[in-house]
Each structure stands twice: as structure tokens, then as C-alpha cells.
Amino acid sequence: MIPAPPAITAQYDHYPRHRRVVAFDTGGHALIVGSHELERACDLPGFEKLVDHDDDAPIAILPARGMSLRLHGMRGEQWHDPLIAWLVTADGAGTALAVDGQGNLEPIRTEEYADVKLEHDAA
């Protein structure tokens, strides 16, 4: 038996619409908690498909040594943020991480700026 990632569910055409998949058997069948034991999700009436609800789940944090973002605001203001790391999600997206004024790790929401440039320090 192989444990399932937490965001996978079995979808049905009736209530409850989704049931969490807890594992996969050695044949690759998704298993859900039945009334007395684990059951194959596809054996229950109304089974439609398996759904992965967590495409944006973090899967890696990569160092961003020597990288920074030059940010230009909508009203012409500018910032220069040294990056600490990149957060990579299951769907392949990357989010730049910096440190805020209080010393907390913070994602940089690039869509909030008029222009964003990635810079790499020559070391």
C-alpha cells in the first residue's frame, strides 16, 4: 500500500461528491475509507474520476543566492528586494521569497507591480 498525497479525492455523481483518497493498493487502485475497511474508490456506485485539488502545493524551496528583484510601482516608485529563495509548487510555478521589514519570510507578488526585473549579482 502506498500513502496518497493529501489533496487527492475520488469524485462521485452523488453526495458526498468527494471522498479523500488515503492510499493506493499495489495494483494502483485508489483506496478510500469504507464503513469497515479500505475500499477501492472505483468500486463504489457513481464513481467518476480522481481529482488532485492541490496543484499549488509547495514541493521545493530553492536558494536564490545573488538574485534580487527590481520592482517598479504603478506610480513610479521603485524597490530593490534581495531574494532569499524560490518556492516551487506542484504545477511548476515559482514564487520569489524575500524578507520583510520585520524579518519575516514574504512572497513577492509580482502582479502588484508595473514592472519587475530579475537581477543576478556577478559574484
C-alpha atoms as a PDB file:
ATOM      1  CA  MET A   1       0.000   0.000   0.000  1.00  0.00           C
ATOM      2  CA  ILE A   2       1.259   3.477  -0.934  1.00  0.00           C
ATOM      3  CA  PRO A   3       0.066   6.556   1.039  1.00  0.00           C
ATOM      4  CA  ALA A   4      -1.766   9.111  -1.115  1.00  0.00           C
ATOM      5  CA  PRO A   5      -0.940  12.842  -1.184  1.00  0.00           C
ATOM      6  CA  PRO A   6      -3.482  14.752   0.951  1.00  0.00           C
ATOM      7  CA  ALA A   7      -5.157  16.626  -1.915  1.00  0.00           C
ATOM      8  CA  ILE A   8      -6.387  13.663  -3.979  1.00  0.00           C
ATOM      9  CA  THR A   9     -10.075  12.785  -3.810  1.00  0.00           C
ATOM     10  CA  ALA A  10     -12.433  10.410  -5.563  1.00  0.00           C
ATOM     11  CA  GLN A  11     -15.290  12.281  -7.250  1.00  0.00           C
ATOM     12  CA  TYR A  12     -18.796  10.792  -7.347  1.00  0.00           C
ATOM     13  CA  ASP A  13     -22.059  11.777  -9.030  1.00  0.00           C
ATOM     14  CA  HIS A  14     -23.909  11.922  -5.669  1.00  0.00           C
ATOM     15  CA  TYR A  15     -23.461  13.197  -2.095  1.00  0.00           C
ATOM     16  CA  PRO A  16     -20.816  13.151  -0.711  1.00  0.00           C
ATOM     17  CA  ARG A  17     -19.395  14.387  -4.004  1.00  0.00           C
ATOM     18  CA  HIS A  18     -15.724  13.959  -2.955  1.00  0.00           C
ATOM     19  CA  ARG A  19     -14.108  11.410  -0.675  1.00  0.00           C
ATOM     20  CA  ARG A  20     -10.447  11.622   0.309  1.00  0.00           C
ATOM     21  CA  VAL A  21      -8.137   9.004  -1.171  1.00  0.00           C
ATOM     22  CA  VAL A  22      -5.930   7.699   1.647  1.00  0.00           C
ATOM     23  CA  ALA A  23      -3.730   5.254  -0.260  1.00  0.00           C
ATOM     24  CA  PHE A  24      -3.159   3.277  -3.450  1.00  0.00           C
ATOM     25  CA  ASP A  25      -3.012  -0.513  -3.476  1.00  0.00           C
ATOM     26  CA  THR A  26      -0.224  -2.460  -5.183  1.00  0.00           C
ATOM     27  CA  GLY A  27      -2.310  -2.548  -8.376  1.00  0.00           C
ATOM     28  CA  GLY A  28      -2.513   1.278  -8.426  1.00  0.00           C
ATOM     29  CA  HIS A  29      -6.182   1.493  -7.389  1.00  0.00           C
ATOM     30  CA  ALA A  30      -7.194   4.450  -5.227  1.00  0.00           C
ATOM     31  CA  LEU A  31      -8.445   3.468  -1.765  1.00  0.00           C
ATOM     32  CA  ILE A  32     -10.945   5.341   0.408  1.00  0.00           C
ATOM     33  CA  VAL A  33     -12.175   4.664   3.939  1.00  0.00           C
ATOM     34  CA  GLY A  34     -15.271   2.465   3.771  1.00  0.00           C
ATOM     35  CA  SER A  35     -17.633   1.619   6.611  1.00  0.00           C
ATOM     36  CA  HIS A  36     -15.362  -1.163   7.945  1.00  0.00           C
ATOM     37  CA  GLU A  37     -12.205  -1.207   5.793  1.00  0.00           C
ATOM     38  CA  LEU A  38     -10.420   0.459   2.908  1.00  0.00           C
ATOM     39  CA  GLU A  39     -12.311   0.110  -0.363  1.00  0.00           C
ATOM     40  CA  ARG A  40     -11.397   0.738  -3.989  1.00  0.00           C
ATOM     41  CA  ALA A  41     -12.805   4.137  -4.920  1.00  0.00           C
ATOM     42  CA  CYS A  42     -13.796   2.905  -8.383  1.00  0.00           C
ATOM     43  CA  ASP A  43     -15.896   0.054  -6.950  1.00  0.00           C
ATOM     44  CA  LEU A  44     -18.423   2.372  -5.291  1.00  0.00           C
ATOM     45  CA  PRO A  45     -21.511   3.382  -7.296  1.00  0.00           C
ATOM     46  CA  GLY A  46     -21.321   6.748  -9.042  1.00  0.00           C
ATOM     47  CA  PHE A  47     -17.515   6.924  -9.248  1.00  0.00           C
ATOM     48  CA  GLU A  48     -16.471   9.492 -11.881  1.00  0.00           C
ATOM     49  CA  LYS A  49     -12.739  10.214 -11.518  1.00  0.00           C
ATOM     50  CA  LEU A  50      -9.827  11.062  -9.246  1.00  0.00           C
ATOM     51  CA  VAL A  51      -9.174  14.759  -8.661  1.00  0.00           C
ATOM     52  CA  ASP A  52      -5.977  16.473  -7.491  1.00  0.00           C
ATOM     53  CA  HIS A  53      -7.063  19.630  -5.667  1.00  0.00           C
ATOM     54  CA  ASP A  54      -3.593  20.847  -4.811  1.00  0.00           C
ATOM     55  CA  ASP A  55      -1.697  21.996  -7.912  1.00  0.00           C
ATOM     56  CA  ASP A  56      -0.223  24.869  -5.893  1.00  0.00           C
ATOM     57  CA  ALA A  57       1.182  22.681  -3.111  1.00  0.00           C
ATOM     58  CA  PRO A  58       4.802  23.584  -2.312  1.00  0.00           C
ATOM     59  CA  ILE A  59       7.218  20.867  -3.370  1.00  0.00           C
ATOM     60  CA  ALA A  60      10.621  22.582  -3.100  1.00  0.00           C
ATOM     61  CA  ILE A  61      12.431  25.665  -1.860  1.00  0.00           C
ATOM     62  CA  LEU A  62      15.497  26.599  -3.890  1.00  0.00           C
ATOM     63  CA  PRO A  63      18.178  29.066  -2.764  1.00  0.00           C
ATOM     64  CA  ALA A  64      18.295  32.396  -4.584  1.00  0.00           C
ATOM     65  CA  ARG A  65      21.857  33.400  -3.727  1.00  0.00           C
ATOM     66  CA  GLY A  66      22.853  36.586  -5.513  1.00  0.00           C
ATOM     67  CA  MET A  67      19.393  37.199  -7.007  1.00  0.00           C
ATOM     68  CA  SER A  68      17.169  40.201  -6.446  1.00  0.00           C
ATOM     69  CA  LEU A  69      14.088  41.839  -7.895  1.00  0.00           C
ATOM     70  CA  ARG A  70      13.909  45.428  -9.086  1.00  0.00           C
ATOM     71  CA  LEU A  71      10.264  46.438  -8.691  1.00  0.00           C
ATOM     72  CA  HIS A  72       8.543  49.472 -10.212  1.00  0.00           C
ATOM     73  CA  GLY A  73       5.215  50.523  -8.709  1.00  0.00           C
ATOM     74  CA  MET A  74       2.164  51.806 -10.574  1.00  0.00           C
ATOM     75  CA  ARG A  75       3.002  55.423  -9.579  1.00  0.00           C
ATOM     76  CA  GLY A  76       6.695  55.296 -10.482  1.00  0.00           C
ATOM     77  CA  GLU A  77       8.067  54.232  -7.090  1.00  0.00           C
ATOM     78  CA  GLN A  78      10.953  51.721  -7.088  1.00  0.00           C
ATOM     79  CA  TRP A  79      12.201  48.968  -4.765  1.00  0.00           C
ATOM     80  CA  HIS A  80      15.134  46.612  -4.815  1.00  0.00           C
ATOM     81  CA  ASP A  81      14.492  43.355  -2.904  1.00  0.00           C
ATOM     82  CA  PRO A  82      17.260  40.793  -2.402  1.00  0.00           C
ATOM     83  CA  LEU A  83      15.794  37.301  -2.704  1.00  0.00           C
ATOM     84  CA  ILE A  84      16.256  34.567  -0.133  1.00  0.00           C
ATOM     85  CA  ALA A  85      14.732  31.642  -2.040  1.00  0.00           C
ATOM     86  CA  TRP A  86      12.281  30.445  -4.684  1.00  0.00           C
ATOM     87  CA  LEU A  87       9.190  28.485  -3.642  1.00  0.00           C
ATOM     88  CA  VAL A  88       8.296  25.923  -6.339  1.00  0.00           C
ATOM     89  CA  THR A  89       4.790  24.436  -6.464  1.00  0.00           C
ATOM     90  CA  ALA A  90       3.464  21.173  -7.902  1.00  0.00           C
ATOM     91  CA  ASP A  91       2.250  22.918 -11.067  1.00  0.00           C
ATOM     92  CA  GLY A  92       5.789  24.217 -11.772  1.00  0.00           C
ATOM     93  CA  ALA A  93       5.194  27.839 -10.766  1.00  0.00           C
ATOM     94  CA  GLY A  94       7.895  29.691  -8.851  1.00  0.00           C
ATOM     95  CA  THR A  95       7.387  32.447  -6.286  1.00  0.00           C
ATOM     96  CA  ALA A  96      10.219  34.723  -5.184  1.00  0.00           C
ATOM     97  CA  LEU A  97      10.729  34.907  -1.399  1.00  0.00           C
ATOM     98  CA  ALA A  98      12.277  37.905   0.377  1.00  0.00           C
ATOM     99  CA  VAL A  99      12.455  39.167   3.956  1.00  0.00           C
ATOM    100  CA  ASP A 100      10.067  41.945   5.059  1.00  0.00           C
ATOM    101  CA  GLY A 101      10.876  44.812   7.429  1.00  0.00           C
ATOM    102  CA  GLN A 102      10.141  42.666  10.500  1.00  0.00           C
ATOM    103  CA  GLY A 103      12.455  39.854   9.377  1.00  0.00           C
ATOM    104  CA  ASN A 104       9.671  37.514   8.212  1.00  0.00           C
ATOM    105  CA  LEU A 105       9.824  35.497   5.004  1.00  0.00           C
ATOM    106  CA  GLU A 106       7.420  37.023   2.473  1.00  0.00           C
ATOM    107  CA  PRO A 107       6.337  36.040  -1.058  1.00  0.00           C
ATOM    108  CA  ILE A 108       6.801  38.784  -3.657  1.00  0.00           C
ATOM    109  CA  ARG A 109       3.507  39.217  -5.526  1.00  0.00           C
ATOM    110  CA  THR A 110       4.893  40.432  -8.857  1.00  0.00           C
ATOM    111  CA  GLU A 111       1.419  41.041 -10.314  1.00  0.00           C
ATOM    112  CA  GLU A 112       1.097  44.034  -7.956  1.00  0.00           C
ATOM    113  CA  TYR A 113       3.836  45.978  -9.797  1.00  0.00           C
ATOM    114  CA  ALA A 114       4.000  47.763 -13.144  1.00  0.00           C
ATOM    115  CA  ASP A 115       7.397  46.265 -13.996  1.00  0.00           C
ATOM    116  CA  VAL A 116       9.577  43.564 -12.461  1.00  0.00           C
ATOM    117  CA  LYS A 117      13.152  42.718 -13.393  1.00  0.00           C
ATOM    118  CA  LEU A 118      15.141  39.772 -12.064  1.00  0.00           C
ATOM    119  CA  GLU A 119      18.778  40.684 -11.431  1.00  0.00           C
ATOM    120  CA  HIS A 120      21.716  38.425 -10.643  1.00  0.00           C
ATOM    121  CA  ASP A 121      24.779  39.801  -8.879  1.00  0.00           C
ATOM    122  CA  ALA A 122      28.022  38.926 -10.611  1.00  0.00           C
ATOM    123  CA  ALA A 123      29.977  37.128  -7.917  1.00  0.00           C
END
